[in-house]
């Protein structure tokens, strides 16, 4: 294998290695497994737990995005394009690392296209509404503080819940 790599020949045995295992390794190296875990689980569902480097093509990877867009959410709908693109981005990051490390010879990443996201109209509280919210009594002050913190920083409530001092 070393000689083949030195002279530019393709080592066909490397293409048979598990991309799932490689994805998991890269996820563990990222240090942010919580963020990557969802994408990894969806990729495992898409591949039924089996995928080797030789199977990776533009069509196969775009199929993963199509799969994501059909995933049912707990509310009964399907995954939003922005969420699917976020998960798809994790796959692209792993593919990029595989190209850089020589595990994938044909760099097709530039051919992968994200899902089209629909424009959502975001509504914001006015200063007066924010003042009324701050003045409203609440049985649980921690909820009130978290809501006001969210309004003032723009962080989502899920980000606030996960917030730790070492991350600041």
N, C-alpha and C. Protein backbone atom coordinates (compact mmCIF):
# COMPACT_ATOMS: atom_id res chain seq x y z
N UNK A 1 0.83 -1.20 0.00
CA UNK A 1 0.00 0.00 0.00
C UNK A 1 0.87 1.26 0.00
N UNK A 2 1.95 1.24 0.76
CA UNK A 2 2.84 2.40 0.82
C UNK A 2 3.47 2.64 -0.54
N UNK A 3 3.92 1.57 -1.19
CA UNK A 3 4.54 1.70 -2.50
C UNK A 3 3.51 2.23 -3.50
N UNK A 4 2.30 1.69 -3.45
CA UNK A 4 1.25 2.17 -4.36
C UNK A 4 0.98 3.65 -4.17
N UNK A 5 0.93 4.10 -2.96
CA UNK A 5 0.69 5.51 -2.70
C UNK A 5 1.85 6.36 -3.21
N UNK A 6 3.06 5.89 -3.02
CA UNK A 6 4.24 6.65 -3.47
C UNK A 6 4.24 6.87 -4.97
N UNK A 7 3.79 5.91 -5.71
CA UNK A 7 3.83 6.00 -7.16
C UNK A 7 2.50 6.42 -7.78
N UNK A 8 1.53 6.77 -6.94
CA UNK A 8 0.26 7.30 -7.44
C UNK A 8 -0.74 6.24 -7.86
N UNK A 9 -0.45 4.97 -7.60
CA UNK A 9 -1.42 3.93 -7.93
C UNK A 9 -2.51 3.91 -6.87
N UNK A 10 -3.68 3.54 -7.28
CA UNK A 10 -4.79 3.50 -6.34
C UNK A 10 -4.73 2.21 -5.55
N UNK A 11 -4.83 2.35 -4.24
CA UNK A 11 -4.89 1.19 -3.35
C UNK A 11 -6.36 0.82 -3.20
N UNK A 12 -6.79 -0.22 -3.92
CA UNK A 12 -8.20 -0.59 -3.94
C UNK A 12 -8.71 -1.08 -2.60
N UNK A 13 -7.82 -1.58 -1.74
CA UNK A 13 -8.26 -2.07 -0.44
C UNK A 13 -8.73 -0.92 0.45
N UNK A 14 -8.19 0.29 0.25
CA UNK A 14 -8.60 1.44 1.06
C UNK A 14 -10.04 1.83 0.76
N UNK A 15 -10.49 1.64 -0.44
CA UNK A 15 -11.86 1.99 -0.80
C UNK A 15 -12.89 1.11 -0.14
N UNK A 16 -12.48 -0.05 0.33
CA UNK A 16 -13.39 -0.99 0.99
C UNK A 16 -13.51 -0.72 2.49
N UNK A 17 -12.70 0.21 3.01
CA UNK A 17 -12.75 0.52 4.43
C UNK A 17 -14.06 1.24 4.75
N UNK A 18 -14.48 1.14 5.99
CA UNK A 18 -15.76 1.69 6.42
C UNK A 18 -15.71 3.22 6.54
N UNK A 19 -16.55 3.88 5.77
CA UNK A 19 -16.67 5.32 5.90
C UNK A 19 -17.44 5.68 7.18
N UNK A 20 -18.32 4.79 7.60
CA UNK A 20 -19.07 4.99 8.85
C UNK A 20 -18.09 5.11 10.02
N UNK A 21 -17.11 4.20 10.08
CA UNK A 21 -16.11 4.24 11.14
C UNK A 21 -15.30 5.54 11.07
N UNK A 22 -14.96 5.95 9.84
CA UNK A 22 -14.20 7.18 9.65
C UNK A 22 -15.02 8.39 10.10
N UNK A 23 -16.28 8.40 9.76
CA UNK A 23 -17.19 9.48 10.16
C UNK A 23 -17.21 9.56 11.70
N UNK A 24 -17.36 8.41 12.35
CA UNK A 24 -17.39 8.36 13.82
C UNK A 24 -16.09 8.89 14.41
N UNK A 25 -14.95 8.50 13.84
CA UNK A 25 -13.65 8.99 14.32
C UNK A 25 -13.58 10.51 14.21
N UNK A 26 -14.00 11.05 13.08
CA UNK A 26 -13.95 12.49 12.87
C UNK A 26 -14.91 13.22 13.82
N UNK A 27 -16.05 12.60 14.08
CA UNK A 27 -17.01 13.18 15.01
C UNK A 27 -16.39 13.25 16.41
N UNK A 28 -15.73 12.17 16.82
CA UNK A 28 -15.11 12.12 18.14
C UNK A 28 -13.97 13.13 18.25
N UNK A 29 -13.23 13.34 17.15
CA UNK A 29 -12.12 14.29 17.14
C UNK A 29 -12.61 15.73 17.22
N UNK A 30 -13.82 15.97 16.73
CA UNK A 30 -14.33 17.35 16.69
C UNK A 30 -14.52 17.92 18.08
N UNK A 31 -14.73 17.06 19.06
CA UNK A 31 -14.94 17.52 20.42
C UNK A 31 -16.35 18.03 20.68
N UNK A 32 -17.15 18.14 19.66
CA UNK A 32 -18.53 18.62 19.80
C UNK A 32 -19.47 17.53 19.32
N UNK A 33 -19.41 16.39 19.97
CA UNK A 33 -20.19 15.24 19.50
C UNK A 33 -21.69 15.49 19.56
N UNK A 34 -22.13 16.34 20.50
CA UNK A 34 -23.57 16.63 20.59
C UNK A 34 -24.08 17.23 19.29
N UNK A 35 -23.29 18.13 18.72
CA UNK A 35 -23.66 18.80 17.49
C UNK A 35 -23.59 17.85 16.29
N UNK A 36 -22.62 16.94 16.30
CA UNK A 36 -22.40 16.03 15.17
C UNK A 36 -23.23 14.76 15.26
N UNK A 37 -23.65 14.41 16.46
CA UNK A 37 -24.31 13.12 16.68
C UNK A 37 -25.57 12.94 15.84
N UNK A 38 -26.34 13.99 15.71
CA UNK A 38 -27.58 13.91 14.92
C UNK A 38 -27.28 13.60 13.47
N UNK A 39 -26.30 14.30 12.89
CA UNK A 39 -25.93 14.06 11.49
C UNK A 39 -25.42 12.63 11.33
N UNK A 40 -24.62 12.17 12.28
CA UNK A 40 -24.08 10.81 12.21
C UNK A 40 -25.20 9.77 12.26
N UNK A 41 -26.15 9.97 13.17
CA UNK A 41 -27.28 9.02 13.28
C UNK A 41 -28.10 8.98 12.00
N UNK A 42 -28.36 10.16 11.44
CA UNK A 42 -29.13 10.20 10.19
C UNK A 42 -28.36 9.54 9.05
N UNK A 43 -27.05 9.73 9.01
CA UNK A 43 -26.25 9.09 7.96
C UNK A 43 -26.27 7.57 8.13
N UNK A 44 -26.18 7.11 9.37
CA UNK A 44 -26.25 5.66 9.63
C UNK A 44 -27.60 5.10 9.21
N UNK A 45 -28.68 5.84 9.46
CA UNK A 45 -30.01 5.40 9.02
C UNK A 45 -30.08 5.34 7.50
N UNK A 46 -29.53 6.36 6.85
CA UNK A 46 -29.53 6.43 5.38
C UNK A 46 -28.76 5.26 4.78
N UNK A 47 -27.62 4.94 5.36
CA UNK A 47 -26.75 3.89 4.81
C UNK A 47 -27.06 2.51 5.38
N UNK A 48 -27.99 2.46 6.32
CA UNK A 48 -28.32 1.23 7.04
C UNK A 48 -27.08 0.68 7.73
N UNK A 49 -26.22 1.60 8.18
CA UNK A 49 -25.04 1.24 8.96
C UNK A 49 -23.86 0.71 8.17
N UNK A 50 -23.96 0.72 6.83
CA UNK A 50 -22.87 0.18 6.01
C UNK A 50 -22.57 1.13 4.86
N UNK A 51 -21.34 1.62 4.82
CA UNK A 51 -20.92 2.47 3.72
C UNK A 51 -19.40 2.46 3.68
N UNK A 52 -18.86 2.13 2.52
CA UNK A 52 -17.41 2.18 2.37
C UNK A 52 -17.04 3.36 1.46
N UNK A 53 -15.77 3.70 1.45
CA UNK A 53 -15.31 4.87 0.71
C UNK A 53 -15.64 4.77 -0.79
N UNK A 54 -15.59 3.56 -1.35
CA UNK A 54 -15.89 3.37 -2.77
C UNK A 54 -17.31 3.76 -3.15
N UNK A 55 -18.24 3.71 -2.19
CA UNK A 55 -19.64 4.01 -2.47
C UNK A 55 -19.92 5.51 -2.55
N UNK A 56 -18.99 6.32 -2.09
CA UNK A 56 -19.22 7.76 -2.02
C UNK A 56 -19.12 8.41 -3.39
N UNK A 57 -20.25 8.90 -3.86
CA UNK A 57 -20.33 9.62 -5.13
C UNK A 57 -21.21 10.86 -4.89
N UNK A 58 -21.27 11.71 -5.88
CA UNK A 58 -22.14 12.88 -5.78
C UNK A 58 -23.58 12.43 -5.58
N UNK A 59 -24.01 11.46 -6.36
CA UNK A 59 -25.40 10.99 -6.28
C UNK A 59 -25.70 10.39 -4.91
N UNK A 60 -24.77 9.61 -4.39
CA UNK A 60 -24.96 8.96 -3.09
C UNK A 60 -25.09 10.01 -1.99
N UNK A 61 -24.22 11.00 -2.02
CA UNK A 61 -24.23 12.05 -0.99
C UNK A 61 -25.45 12.96 -1.13
N UNK A 62 -25.83 13.29 -2.36
CA UNK A 62 -27.05 14.08 -2.56
C UNK A 62 -28.27 13.29 -2.11
N UNK A 63 -28.20 11.97 -2.24
CA UNK A 63 -29.27 11.10 -1.75
C UNK A 63 -29.44 11.23 -0.25
N UNK A 64 -28.32 11.45 0.45
CA UNK A 64 -28.39 11.67 1.90
C UNK A 64 -29.18 12.94 2.21
N UNK A 65 -28.94 13.99 1.45
CA UNK A 65 -29.69 15.23 1.64
C UNK A 65 -31.18 15.01 1.36
N UNK A 66 -31.49 14.28 0.30
CA UNK A 66 -32.89 13.96 0.00
C UNK A 66 -33.53 13.17 1.15
N UNK A 67 -32.75 12.25 1.70
CA UNK A 67 -33.21 11.45 2.85
C UNK A 67 -33.52 12.37 4.03
N UNK A 68 -32.63 13.32 4.29
CA UNK A 68 -32.83 14.25 5.41
C UNK A 68 -34.11 15.06 5.25
N UNK A 69 -34.38 15.49 4.02
CA UNK A 69 -35.56 16.32 3.77
C UNK A 69 -36.87 15.54 3.94
N UNK A 70 -36.78 14.21 4.00
CA UNK A 70 -37.97 13.37 4.18
C UNK A 70 -38.13 12.87 5.62
N UNK A 71 -37.13 13.15 6.47
CA UNK A 71 -37.18 12.68 7.85
C UNK A 71 -38.34 13.36 8.57
N UNK A 72 -39.14 12.54 9.26
CA UNK A 72 -40.28 13.09 10.01
C UNK A 72 -39.79 13.66 11.33
N UNK A 73 -40.35 14.80 11.68
CA UNK A 73 -40.01 15.46 12.92
C UNK A 73 -41.02 15.07 14.00
N UNK A 74 -40.70 15.32 15.26
CA UNK A 74 -41.65 14.99 16.34
C UNK A 74 -43.00 15.71 16.20
N UNK A 75 -43.01 16.84 15.49
CA UNK A 75 -44.27 17.57 15.31
C UNK A 75 -45.11 17.03 14.16
N UNK A 76 -44.59 16.02 13.45
CA UNK A 76 -45.35 15.41 12.37
C UNK A 76 -45.00 15.90 10.99
N UNK A 77 -44.21 16.95 10.90
CA UNK A 77 -43.80 17.46 9.60
C UNK A 77 -42.51 16.79 9.14
N UNK A 78 -41.84 17.43 8.21
CA UNK A 78 -40.55 16.94 7.76
C UNK A 78 -39.47 17.94 8.13
N UNK A 79 -38.23 17.48 8.08
CA UNK A 79 -37.11 18.31 8.46
C UNK A 79 -37.02 19.55 7.58
N UNK A 80 -36.78 20.68 8.21
CA UNK A 80 -36.63 21.93 7.46
C UNK A 80 -35.33 21.90 6.67
N UNK A 81 -35.30 22.63 5.58
CA UNK A 81 -34.12 22.67 4.71
C UNK A 81 -32.89 23.17 5.46
N UNK A 82 -33.06 24.14 6.34
CA UNK A 82 -31.91 24.67 7.08
C UNK A 82 -31.32 23.62 8.00
N UNK A 83 -32.16 22.82 8.63
CA UNK A 83 -31.69 21.74 9.50
C UNK A 83 -31.03 20.65 8.67
N UNK A 84 -31.64 20.32 7.54
CA UNK A 84 -31.04 19.31 6.65
C UNK A 84 -29.68 19.78 6.16
N UNK A 85 -29.57 21.05 5.80
CA UNK A 85 -28.28 21.59 5.33
C UNK A 85 -27.23 21.56 6.43
N UNK A 86 -27.65 21.79 7.67
CA UNK A 86 -26.73 21.72 8.79
C UNK A 86 -26.17 20.31 8.93
N UNK A 87 -27.04 19.30 8.86
CA UNK A 87 -26.59 17.90 8.95
C UNK A 87 -25.77 17.51 7.72
N UNK A 88 -26.18 17.98 6.57
CA UNK A 88 -25.46 17.70 5.32
C UNK A 88 -24.06 18.32 5.38
N UNK A 89 -23.96 19.48 6.01
CA UNK A 89 -22.67 20.14 6.18
C UNK A 89 -21.68 19.32 6.98
N UNK A 90 -22.17 18.55 7.93
CA UNK A 90 -21.29 17.67 8.72
C UNK A 90 -20.71 16.59 7.82
N UNK A 91 -21.54 16.03 6.94
CA UNK A 91 -21.03 15.03 5.99
C UNK A 91 -19.97 15.66 5.09
N UNK A 92 -20.23 16.85 4.60
CA UNK A 92 -19.27 17.54 3.72
C UNK A 92 -17.96 17.78 4.45
N UNK A 93 -18.03 18.14 5.72
CA UNK A 93 -16.82 18.36 6.51
C UNK A 93 -16.00 17.07 6.61
N UNK A 94 -16.67 15.96 6.83
CA UNK A 94 -15.97 14.67 6.92
C UNK A 94 -15.40 14.29 5.55
N UNK A 95 -16.15 14.52 4.49
CA UNK A 95 -15.65 14.24 3.14
C UNK A 95 -14.41 15.08 2.84
N UNK A 96 -14.44 16.34 3.26
CA UNK A 96 -13.29 17.23 3.03
C UNK A 96 -12.04 16.69 3.74
N UNK A 97 -12.22 16.22 4.97
CA UNK A 97 -11.10 15.63 5.72
C UNK A 97 -10.60 14.35 5.05
N UNK A 98 -11.53 13.58 4.51
CA UNK A 98 -11.14 12.34 3.82
C UNK A 98 -10.34 12.64 2.56
N UNK A 99 -10.72 13.69 1.85
CA UNK A 99 -9.96 14.10 0.66
C UNK A 99 -8.57 14.57 1.06
N UNK A 100 -8.49 15.39 2.12
CA UNK A 100 -7.22 15.91 2.58
C UNK A 100 -6.27 14.81 3.05
N UNK A 101 -6.84 13.77 3.64
CA UNK A 101 -6.00 12.67 4.13
C UNK A 101 -5.72 11.62 3.06
N UNK A 102 -6.26 11.82 1.86
CA UNK A 102 -6.01 10.88 0.77
C UNK A 102 -6.90 9.66 0.76
N UNK A 103 -7.91 9.63 1.62
CA UNK A 103 -8.83 8.48 1.66
C UNK A 103 -9.76 8.49 0.46
N UNK A 104 -10.06 9.69 -0.06
CA UNK A 104 -10.89 9.83 -1.25
C UNK A 104 -10.05 10.53 -2.30
N UNK A 105 -9.91 9.89 -3.45
CA UNK A 105 -9.05 10.44 -4.52
C UNK A 105 -9.77 11.50 -5.34
N UNK A 106 -11.05 11.27 -5.64
CA UNK A 106 -11.81 12.17 -6.50
C UNK A 106 -12.56 13.18 -5.63
N UNK A 107 -12.14 14.44 -5.67
CA UNK A 107 -12.77 15.47 -4.86
C UNK A 107 -14.02 15.99 -5.58
N UNK A 108 -15.16 15.51 -5.17
CA UNK A 108 -16.43 15.89 -5.79
C UNK A 108 -17.23 16.82 -4.90
N UNK A 109 -16.63 17.31 -3.82
CA UNK A 109 -17.35 18.12 -2.84
C UNK A 109 -17.97 19.36 -3.47
N UNK A 110 -17.25 20.00 -4.39
CA UNK A 110 -17.76 21.22 -5.02
C UNK A 110 -19.04 20.97 -5.85
N UNK A 111 -19.32 19.71 -6.15
CA UNK A 111 -20.53 19.38 -6.91
C UNK A 111 -21.75 19.18 -6.03
N UNK A 112 -21.55 19.08 -4.72
CA UNK A 112 -22.67 18.87 -3.80
C UNK A 112 -23.42 20.18 -3.58
N UNK A 113 -24.72 20.12 -3.68
CA UNK A 113 -25.56 21.32 -3.58
C UNK A 113 -26.48 21.22 -2.37
N UNK A 114 -26.54 22.28 -1.57
CA UNK A 114 -27.44 22.28 -0.41
C UNK A 114 -28.90 22.42 -0.85
N UNK A 115 -29.80 22.13 0.07
CA UNK A 115 -31.23 22.29 -0.20
C UNK A 115 -31.57 23.77 -0.21
N UNK A 116 -32.56 24.13 -1.00
CA UNK A 116 -33.00 25.52 -1.05
C UNK A 116 -33.83 25.81 0.19
N UNK A 117 -33.43 26.85 0.88
CA UNK A 117 -34.13 27.23 2.10
C UNK A 117 -35.17 28.29 1.79
N UNK A 118 -36.32 28.13 2.41
CA UNK A 118 -37.37 29.13 2.22
C UNK A 118 -37.11 30.29 3.18
N UNK A 119 -37.45 31.46 2.73
CA UNK A 119 -37.27 32.65 3.56
C UNK A 119 -38.36 32.64 4.64
N UNK A 120 -37.94 32.79 5.87
CA UNK A 120 -38.90 32.87 6.96
C UNK A 120 -38.90 34.28 7.52
N UNK A 121 -40.08 34.77 7.75
CA UNK A 121 -40.20 36.12 8.30
C UNK A 121 -40.02 36.01 9.81
N UNK A 122 -39.02 36.71 10.32
CA UNK A 122 -38.75 36.69 11.75
C UNK A 122 -39.36 37.92 12.39
N UNK A 123 -40.06 37.68 13.46
CA UNK A 123 -40.66 38.79 14.19
C UNK A 123 -39.86 39.03 15.45
N UNK A 124 -39.73 40.28 15.82
CA UNK A 124 -38.97 40.67 17.00
C UNK A 124 -39.86 41.47 17.93
N UNK A 125 -39.54 41.40 19.21
CA UNK A 125 -40.25 42.21 20.19
C UNK A 125 -39.80 43.66 20.07
N UNK A 126 -40.75 44.54 20.27
CA UNK A 126 -40.40 45.96 20.31
C UNK A 126 -39.83 46.25 21.70
N UNK A 127 -39.24 47.44 21.85
CA UNK A 127 -38.71 47.82 23.17
C UNK A 127 -39.81 47.82 24.22
N UNK A 128 -40.98 48.32 23.82
CA UNK A 128 -42.09 48.37 24.77
C UNK A 128 -42.54 46.96 25.17
N UNK A 129 -42.62 46.05 24.21
CA UNK A 129 -43.01 44.66 24.52
C UNK A 129 -41.98 44.01 25.43
N UNK A 130 -40.71 44.29 25.20
CA UNK A 130 -39.64 43.75 26.04
C UNK A 130 -39.73 44.29 27.46
N UNK A 131 -40.05 45.58 27.59
CA UNK A 131 -40.22 46.18 28.93
C UNK A 131 -41.41 45.54 29.65
N UNK A 132 -42.50 45.31 28.92
CA UNK A 132 -43.68 44.67 29.54
C UNK A 132 -43.35 43.24 29.97
N UNK A 133 -42.57 42.54 29.16
CA UNK A 133 -42.16 41.18 29.52
C UNK A 133 -41.32 41.20 30.79
N UNK A 134 -40.41 42.16 30.89
CA UNK A 134 -39.55 42.27 32.07
C UNK A 134 -40.36 42.60 33.32
N UNK A 135 -41.43 43.36 33.16
CA UNK A 135 -42.26 43.77 34.30
C UNK A 135 -43.30 42.72 34.69
N UNK A 136 -43.51 41.73 33.85
CA UNK A 136 -44.53 40.71 34.12
C UNK A 136 -44.04 39.74 35.19
N UNK A 137 -44.87 39.52 36.23
CA UNK A 137 -44.47 38.56 37.27
C UNK A 137 -44.42 37.13 36.72
N UNK A 138 -43.52 36.35 37.28
CA UNK A 138 -43.36 34.95 36.83
C UNK A 138 -43.06 34.10 38.05
N UNK A 139 -43.73 32.95 38.14
CA UNK A 139 -43.52 32.05 39.28
C UNK A 139 -42.08 31.54 39.34
N UNK A 140 -41.50 31.30 38.18
CA UNK A 140 -40.14 30.76 38.12
C UNK A 140 -39.22 31.82 37.51
N UNK A 141 -38.50 32.48 38.35
CA UNK A 141 -37.64 33.58 37.91
C UNK A 141 -36.57 33.13 36.92
N UNK A 142 -36.14 31.86 37.00
CA UNK A 142 -35.11 31.38 36.09
C UNK A 142 -35.62 31.38 34.65
N UNK A 143 -36.91 31.07 34.44
CA UNK A 143 -37.48 31.10 33.10
C UNK A 143 -37.55 32.52 32.56
N UNK A 144 -37.94 33.43 33.45
CA UNK A 144 -38.02 34.82 33.07
C UNK A 144 -36.62 35.35 32.70
N UNK A 145 -35.64 35.03 33.53
CA UNK A 145 -34.26 35.48 33.27
C UNK A 145 -33.74 34.89 31.96
N UNK A 146 -34.03 33.61 31.71
CA UNK A 146 -33.57 32.96 30.47
C UNK A 146 -34.25 33.59 29.25
N UNK A 147 -35.54 33.90 29.37
CA UNK A 147 -36.26 34.52 28.25
C UNK A 147 -35.70 35.90 27.94
N UNK A 148 -35.47 36.70 28.97
CA UNK A 148 -34.92 38.03 28.76
C UNK A 148 -33.50 37.96 28.21
N UNK A 149 -32.72 37.01 28.72
CA UNK A 149 -31.35 36.81 28.23
C UNK A 149 -31.38 36.44 26.74
N UNK A 150 -32.32 35.58 26.37
CA UNK A 150 -32.48 35.19 24.97
C UNK A 150 -32.84 36.38 24.10
N UNK A 151 -33.76 37.20 24.59
CA UNK A 151 -34.18 38.38 23.82
C UNK A 151 -33.03 39.36 23.63
N UNK A 152 -32.22 39.52 24.65
CA UNK A 152 -31.16 40.52 24.60
C UNK A 152 -29.90 40.04 23.86
N UNK A 153 -29.70 38.73 23.81
CA UNK A 153 -28.49 38.20 23.16
C UNK A 153 -28.75 37.59 21.79
N UNK A 154 -29.99 37.18 21.54
CA UNK A 154 -30.29 36.50 20.29
C UNK A 154 -30.04 35.01 20.33
N UNK A 155 -29.60 34.50 21.48
CA UNK A 155 -29.38 33.06 21.61
C UNK A 155 -30.70 32.33 21.70
N UNK A 156 -30.74 31.15 21.10
CA UNK A 156 -31.94 30.31 21.23
C UNK A 156 -31.98 29.73 22.63
N UNK A 157 -33.18 29.37 23.07
CA UNK A 157 -33.34 28.83 24.42
C UNK A 157 -32.54 27.54 24.58
N UNK A 158 -32.44 26.72 23.52
CA UNK A 158 -31.65 25.48 23.60
C UNK A 158 -30.17 25.79 23.79
N UNK A 159 -29.70 26.90 23.19
CA UNK A 159 -28.30 27.30 23.39
C UNK A 159 -28.07 27.80 24.81
N UNK A 160 -29.05 28.48 25.36
CA UNK A 160 -28.93 28.99 26.73
C UNK A 160 -28.90 27.83 27.72
N UNK A 161 -29.73 26.83 27.50
CA UNK A 161 -29.77 25.67 28.39
C UNK A 161 -28.43 24.94 28.38
N UNK A 162 -27.80 24.86 27.21
CA UNK A 162 -26.51 24.16 27.08
C UNK A 162 -25.33 25.02 27.51
N UNK A 163 -25.57 26.29 27.79
CA UNK A 163 -24.50 27.23 28.12
C UNK A 163 -23.82 26.88 29.43
N UNK A 164 -22.48 26.88 29.41
CA UNK A 164 -21.69 26.60 30.61
C UNK A 164 -20.62 27.68 30.71
N UNK A 165 -20.16 27.94 31.93
CA UNK A 165 -19.17 28.97 32.14
C UNK A 165 -17.92 28.74 31.31
N UNK A 166 -17.49 27.49 31.16
CA UNK A 166 -16.25 27.23 30.40
C UNK A 166 -16.40 27.56 28.91
N UNK A 167 -17.63 27.73 28.43
CA UNK A 167 -17.87 28.08 27.04
C UNK A 167 -17.90 29.59 26.81
N UNK A 168 -17.84 30.35 27.88
CA UNK A 168 -17.94 31.80 27.75
C UNK A 168 -16.54 32.39 27.65
